[in-house]
Amino acid sequence: MKTIIKNILAIACLSLAIVSCQDLDRPELGDYPIDENAPGGSLKFYVNFDRISTNPLMTAVDEIRANFPQNNNTTTTTGISGNAMQGAKYKYIKYAKANDFAATASSFSVAFWQKKGEFQTEHIFSLPAVGYHWSGASMFLLMEGSVTEPIAKLFVKDAVGENWFEWVPWNAAGAVTGIYDGNWHHMAFVYDATTSKMTLFVDGVPRTSNTWGTHGAISLEPTKINSLKLGAGPQEFSNDEINSGASDWLKNSWTGGLDNFRLYSSALTATEVQELYTNLK
């Protein structure tokens, strides 16, 4: 019996020694790097187009949730860092949804890089909501005007109301003049629910803010939104319209480059926007 007890004690001591040695080699949990895109974070959708594949559905995978597009008939071009989407008339990328962006965005930010050297009335992105509104959308970003005097219009429709946030050339502080010079430019639209203000940043610099009265928190309706489109308006061209070469301001596709597209359920700070621009993110 004593021999058995001695053996048990010896095994226990040996096990304790092994565990102790393992602990010396194992870093504390706090030493591991924190995932900047951790689950539950404010970055809800992000695609950088850097994947290399002959399958177009693989080149536009959302890097946050591995969300694959339903269709992609765009091509790939050289981006601000790595690859980018090259838009063209009647071509765009369509996802089933923007993850939980619509359900969680009381404040929100939209950030991306774009490149264009000529101009037409076109959409950079949209959240289609068929039958929800006359526009068929819950949100879209429309670029119009001209090369020398471009206009940016971000439309938002939620459970409370609707609003156009506009940046126009006749308001010097808010103009987006210079973004269509054939070079890459970073744009970030930041809505802060605490102030009801939407601020546009171009190449890391704030241009001006638009205020939605005292609207406060955005209340998008996820059940109404049926997709996310990159490089197109909320409404679809019919085959007859495509065959005739038709244009429509609620449908037109983005014909420039698009890179590092992000949707956040938070209002980015000026420092965070500057970081995206400076680091070509």
Protein backbone atom coordinates (compact mmCIF):
# COMPACT_ATOMS: atom_id res chain seq x y z
CA MET A 1 0.00 0.00 0.00
CA LYS A 2 2.83 2.41 0.92
CA THR A 3 4.46 1.67 -2.42
CA ILE A 4 1.24 2.54 -4.24
CA ILE A 5 0.89 5.80 -2.32
CA LYS A 6 4.51 6.70 -3.06
CA ASN A 7 3.95 6.03 -6.75
CA ILE A 8 0.82 8.19 -6.78
CA LEU A 9 2.66 11.05 -5.06
CA ALA A 10 5.55 10.75 -7.50
CA ILE A 11 3.23 10.90 -10.48
CA ALA A 12 1.41 13.92 -8.99
CA CYS A 13 4.70 15.76 -8.40
CA LEU A 14 5.88 14.96 -11.92
CA SER A 15 2.62 16.22 -13.39
CA LEU A 16 2.86 19.42 -11.37
CA ALA A 17 6.40 19.97 -12.58
CA ILE A 18 5.39 19.47 -16.20
CA VAL A 19 2.46 21.90 -15.86
CA SER A 20 4.76 24.43 -14.19
CA CYS A 21 7.27 24.17 -17.04
CA GLN A 22 4.49 24.54 -19.61
CA ASP A 23 3.22 27.65 -17.85
CA LEU A 24 6.68 29.22 -18.12
CA ASP A 25 6.60 28.79 -21.91
CA ARG A 26 3.00 29.92 -22.40
CA PRO A 27 2.34 33.70 -22.69
CA GLU A 28 -0.48 35.24 -20.74
CA LEU A 29 -3.72 35.64 -22.69
CA GLY A 30 -3.25 39.38 -22.62
CA ASP A 31 -0.04 39.02 -24.65
CA TYR A 32 -1.86 37.81 -27.74
CA PRO A 33 -2.57 40.48 -30.39
CA ILE A 34 -6.15 41.74 -30.47
CA ASP A 35 -8.02 41.22 -33.75
CA GLU A 36 -8.76 44.71 -35.11
CA ASN A 37 -11.84 43.27 -36.81
CA ALA A 38 -13.05 41.24 -33.86
CA PRO A 39 -16.61 39.83 -33.90
CA GLY A 40 -19.00 42.45 -32.60
CA GLY A 41 -16.75 45.33 -33.66
CA SER A 42 -18.06 48.34 -35.54
CA LEU A 43 -16.50 47.37 -38.89
CA LYS A 44 -19.44 45.43 -40.34
CA PHE A 45 -18.43 45.01 -43.97
CA TYR A 46 -15.04 45.24 -45.69
CA VAL A 47 -13.87 44.14 -49.11
CA ASN A 48 -10.41 44.93 -50.49
CA PHE A 49 -10.57 42.96 -53.78
CA ASP A 50 -7.07 41.55 -53.17
CA ARG A 51 -7.89 37.88 -53.67
CA ILE A 52 -6.45 36.43 -56.87
CA SER A 53 -8.81 34.06 -58.67
CA THR A 54 -10.33 33.39 -62.07
CA ASN A 55 -13.68 33.18 -60.28
CA PRO A 56 -15.07 36.74 -59.95
CA LEU A 57 -17.06 35.72 -56.86
CA MET A 58 -13.76 35.00 -55.09
CA THR A 59 -12.17 38.37 -55.84
CA ALA A 60 -14.85 40.31 -53.95
CA VAL A 61 -15.16 38.35 -50.71
CA ASP A 62 -16.01 40.38 -47.59
CA GLU A 63 -12.89 40.04 -45.44
CA ILE A 64 -14.86 40.44 -42.18
CA ARG A 65 -17.36 37.58 -42.46
CA ALA A 66 -16.20 35.72 -45.60
CA ASN A 67 -19.41 36.94 -47.18
CA PHE A 68 -19.44 35.94 -50.85
CA PRO A 69 -21.19 38.08 -53.49
CA GLN A 70 -24.20 36.70 -55.32
CA ASN A 71 -22.86 38.05 -58.58
CA ASN A 72 -19.91 40.06 -59.86
CA ASN A 73 -19.52 41.01 -63.51
CA THR A 74 -16.89 43.71 -62.89
CA THR A 75 -13.20 43.33 -63.66
CA THR A 76 -10.08 43.78 -61.52
CA THR A 77 -7.62 46.66 -61.78
CA THR A 78 -4.63 47.96 -59.82
CA GLY A 79 -5.88 49.60 -56.63
CA ILE A 80 -4.53 52.02 -54.07
CA SER A 81 -3.04 48.98 -52.35
CA GLY A 82 -3.27 45.64 -54.12
CA ASN A 83 -6.22 45.05 -56.43
CA ALA A 84 -9.41 47.05 -56.91
CA MET A 85 -12.78 46.77 -58.61
CA GLN A 86 -13.00 48.30 -62.08
CA GLY A 87 -16.57 49.34 -62.75
CA ALA A 88 -18.29 49.64 -66.11
CA LYS A 89 -21.75 50.42 -67.46
CA TYR A 90 -24.36 47.85 -66.33
CA LYS A 91 -21.76 46.05 -64.19
CA TYR A 92 -21.59 45.82 -60.40
CA ILE A 93 -21.14 43.49 -57.41
CA LYS A 94 -24.18 42.33 -55.45
CA TYR A 95 -24.23 40.80 -51.95
CA ALA A 96 -27.22 39.25 -50.21
CA LYS A 97 -26.70 41.65 -47.28
CA ALA A 98 -24.16 43.89 -45.56
CA ASN A 99 -23.98 41.53 -42.57
CA ASP A 100 -25.60 43.21 -39.52
CA PHE A 101 -24.75 46.78 -40.56
CA ALA A 102 -28.41 47.83 -40.94
CA ALA A 103 -29.39 46.28 -37.60
CA THR A 104 -26.61 47.88 -35.58
CA ALA A 105 -25.88 51.27 -37.20
CA SER A 106 -27.28 54.09 -35.07
CA SER A 107 -24.24 56.13 -36.03
CA PHE A 108 -22.41 54.93 -39.14
CA SER A 109 -19.50 55.50 -41.52
CA VAL A 110 -18.92 54.62 -45.16
CA ALA A 111 -15.29 54.72 -46.35
CA PHE A 112 -13.62 53.78 -49.63
CA TRP A 113 -11.07 54.75 -52.28
CA GLN A 114 -12.27 55.82 -55.74
CA LYS A 115 -10.54 56.68 -58.99
CA LYS A 116 -12.09 58.37 -62.00
CA GLY A 117 -10.94 60.68 -64.78
CA GLU A 118 -14.25 61.43 -66.48
CA PHE A 119 -17.75 61.87 -65.19
CA GLN A 120 -21.34 60.71 -65.51
CA THR A 121 -24.21 60.47 -63.03
CA GLU A 122 -23.41 57.23 -61.23
CA HIS A 123 -23.73 55.33 -57.95
CA ILE A 124 -20.84 54.11 -55.82
CA PHE A 125 -23.03 51.87 -53.62
CA SER A 126 -26.64 51.25 -52.65
CA LEU A 127 -28.79 49.30 -50.19
CA PRO A 128 -31.80 48.33 -52.35
CA ALA A 129 -35.19 47.98 -50.65
CA VAL A 130 -37.73 47.13 -53.32
CA GLY A 131 -41.22 48.50 -52.62
CA TYR A 132 -39.98 50.38 -49.56
CA HIS A 133 -39.62 53.85 -51.07
CA TRP A 134 -40.06 55.50 -54.47
CA SER A 135 -36.29 55.21 -54.96
CA GLY A 136 -36.32 51.50 -54.16
CA ALA A 137 -33.60 52.05 -51.57
CA SER A 138 -32.78 52.49 -47.91
CA MET A 139 -29.45 54.15 -48.74
CA PHE A 140 -27.37 55.07 -51.78
CA LEU A 141 -24.46 57.31 -52.74
CA LEU A 142 -25.02 59.24 -55.97
CA MET A 143 -22.28 61.20 -57.70
CA GLU A 144 -23.40 63.76 -60.28
CA GLY A 145 -22.54 67.21 -61.64
CA SER A 146 -19.40 67.35 -63.79
CA VAL A 147 -15.64 66.73 -63.68
CA THR A 148 -14.95 70.33 -62.69
CA GLU A 149 -17.97 70.65 -60.39
CA PRO A 150 -18.85 67.23 -58.96
CA ILE A 151 -21.71 66.76 -56.50
CA ALA A 152 -21.96 64.04 -53.85
CA LYS A 153 -25.40 63.03 -52.56
CA LEU A 154 -25.87 60.41 -49.84
CA PHE A 155 -29.53 59.43 -49.43
CA VAL A 156 -30.80 57.74 -46.25
CA LYS A 157 -34.29 56.37 -45.58
CA ASP A 158 -35.05 54.84 -42.20
CA ALA A 159 -38.07 54.03 -40.03
CA VAL A 160 -38.40 57.69 -38.98
CA GLY A 161 -37.87 59.64 -42.18
CA GLU A 162 -35.55 60.34 -45.10
CA ASN A 163 -32.79 62.81 -45.89
CA TRP A 164 -30.39 63.91 -48.63
CA PHE A 165 -26.90 64.80 -47.45
CA GLU A 166 -25.42 66.92 -50.25
CA TRP A 167 -21.99 68.40 -51.02
CA VAL A 168 -22.22 70.92 -53.83
CA PRO A 169 -19.73 73.14 -55.72
CA TRP A 170 -21.49 76.40 -54.85
CA ASN A 171 -20.64 75.75 -51.20
CA ALA A 172 -16.85 76.09 -51.23
CA ALA A 173 -16.40 74.38 -47.87
CA GLY A 174 -18.49 71.41 -48.95
CA ALA A 175 -17.42 71.01 -52.55
CA VAL A 176 -15.74 67.79 -53.68
CA THR A 177 -13.90 69.55 -56.50
CA GLY A 178 -10.76 67.78 -57.68
CA ILE A 179 -11.71 64.18 -57.00
CA TYR A 180 -12.08 63.31 -60.71
CA ASP A 181 -8.50 63.89 -61.85
CA GLY A 182 -7.72 60.27 -62.66
CA ASN A 183 -6.00 59.62 -59.33
CA TRP A 184 -7.07 57.60 -56.28
CA HIS A 185 -8.89 59.63 -53.61
CA HIS A 186 -10.13 58.47 -50.23
CA MET A 187 -13.68 59.40 -49.21
CA ALA A 188 -15.39 58.84 -45.84
CA PHE A 189 -18.97 59.77 -44.93
CA VAL A 190 -19.40 59.84 -41.14
CA TYR A 191 -22.78 60.20 -39.42
CA ASP A 192 -22.74 60.95 -35.68
CA ALA A 193 -26.07 60.21 -33.98
CA THR A 194 -25.24 62.43 -31.01
CA THR A 195 -25.14 65.54 -33.22
CA SER A 196 -27.24 64.35 -36.21
CA LYS A 197 -24.33 65.50 -38.41
CA MET A 198 -22.89 63.83 -41.49
CA THR A 199 -19.30 64.87 -42.22
CA LEU A 200 -17.52 64.20 -45.51
CA PHE A 201 -13.76 63.59 -45.43
CA VAL A 202 -11.76 63.72 -48.67
CA ASP A 203 -8.20 62.41 -48.51
CA GLY A 204 -8.35 62.52 -44.71
CA VAL A 205 -9.50 66.15 -44.52
CA PRO A 206 -13.04 67.11 -43.41
CA ARG A 207 -14.85 69.20 -46.02
CA THR A 208 -18.04 70.12 -44.17
CA SER A 209 -21.00 68.69 -42.26
CA ASN A 210 -24.68 68.28 -43.15
CA THR A 211 -27.14 68.16 -40.25
CA TRP A 212 -30.32 66.05 -40.28
CA GLY A 213 -32.23 68.33 -37.92
CA THR A 214 -32.50 66.61 -34.56
CA HIS A 215 -32.93 63.15 -36.09
CA GLY A 216 -30.43 61.42 -33.82
CA ALA A 217 -29.87 57.67 -34.16
CA ILE A 218 -30.39 56.10 -37.57
CA SER A 219 -32.99 53.33 -37.52
CA LEU A 220 -32.53 51.39 -40.74
CA GLU A 221 -34.99 48.53 -41.29
CA PRO A 222 -33.05 45.33 -42.07
CA THR A 223 -36.12 43.39 -43.17
CA LYS A 224 -36.75 45.95 -45.91
CA ILE A 225 -33.20 45.87 -47.31
CA ASN A 226 -32.70 43.01 -49.74
CA SER A 227 -29.06 43.41 -50.81
CA LEU A 228 -25.90 45.51 -50.95
CA LYS A 229 -24.65 46.66 -54.34
CA LEU A 230 -21.16 48.02 -54.95
CA GLY A 231 -20.93 50.16 -58.06
CA ALA A 232 -24.63 50.55 -58.91
CA GLY A 233 -27.88 52.24 -57.95
CA PRO A 234 -30.76 50.51 -56.19
CA GLN A 235 -32.91 49.88 -59.25
CA GLU A 236 -32.17 47.38 -62.03
CA PHE A 237 -31.90 47.91 -65.77
CA SER A 238 -34.12 45.66 -67.87
CA ASN A 239 -32.59 43.70 -70.74
CA ASP A 240 -34.35 46.00 -73.20
CA GLU A 241 -32.78 49.05 -71.50
CA ILE A 242 -29.35 47.44 -71.59
CA ASN A 243 -29.73 46.56 -75.27
CA SER A 244 -30.75 50.13 -76.07
CA GLY A 245 -27.85 51.63 -74.09
CA ALA A 246 -30.18 53.40 -71.66
CA SER A 247 -29.10 55.52 -68.69
CA ASP A 248 -31.09 56.18 -65.51
CA TRP A 249 -29.95 58.14 -62.47
CA LEU A 250 -31.43 55.55 -60.09
CA LYS A 251 -29.73 52.65 -61.87
CA ASN A 252 -26.43 53.83 -63.34
CA SER A 253 -23.30 51.84 -62.54
CA TRP A 254 -20.02 53.29 -61.34
CA THR A 255 -17.52 53.28 -64.23
CA GLY A 256 -14.42 54.12 -62.18
CA GLY A 257 -12.21 52.23 -59.77
CA LEU A 258 -13.31 51.28 -56.25
CA ASP A 259 -11.06 49.92 -53.49
CA ASN A 260 -11.15 49.07 -49.77
CA PHE A 261 -14.89 49.58 -49.29
CA ARG A 262 -15.95 49.67 -45.62
CA LEU A 263 -19.20 50.01 -43.65
CA TYR A 264 -19.03 50.82 -39.93
CA SER A 265 -21.80 50.92 -37.33
CA SER A 266 -20.06 53.83 -35.63
CA ALA A 267 -18.95 57.39 -36.34
CA LEU A 268 -15.24 57.26 -37.13
CA THR A 269 -13.12 59.93 -35.50
CA ALA A 270 -11.05 62.33 -37.57
CA THR A 271 -7.95 60.43 -36.43
CA GLU A 272 -9.38 57.10 -37.59
CA VAL A 273 -10.28 58.52 -40.99
CA GLN A 274 -6.82 60.04 -41.31
CA GLU A 275 -5.29 56.66 -40.50
CA LEU A 276 -7.25 54.98 -43.32
CA TYR A 277 -5.99 57.63 -45.73
CA THR A 278 -2.38 57.77 -44.56
CA ASN A 279 -1.97 53.98 -44.46
CA LEU A 280 -3.75 53.47 -47.82
CA LYS A 281 -6.33 51.28 -46.09
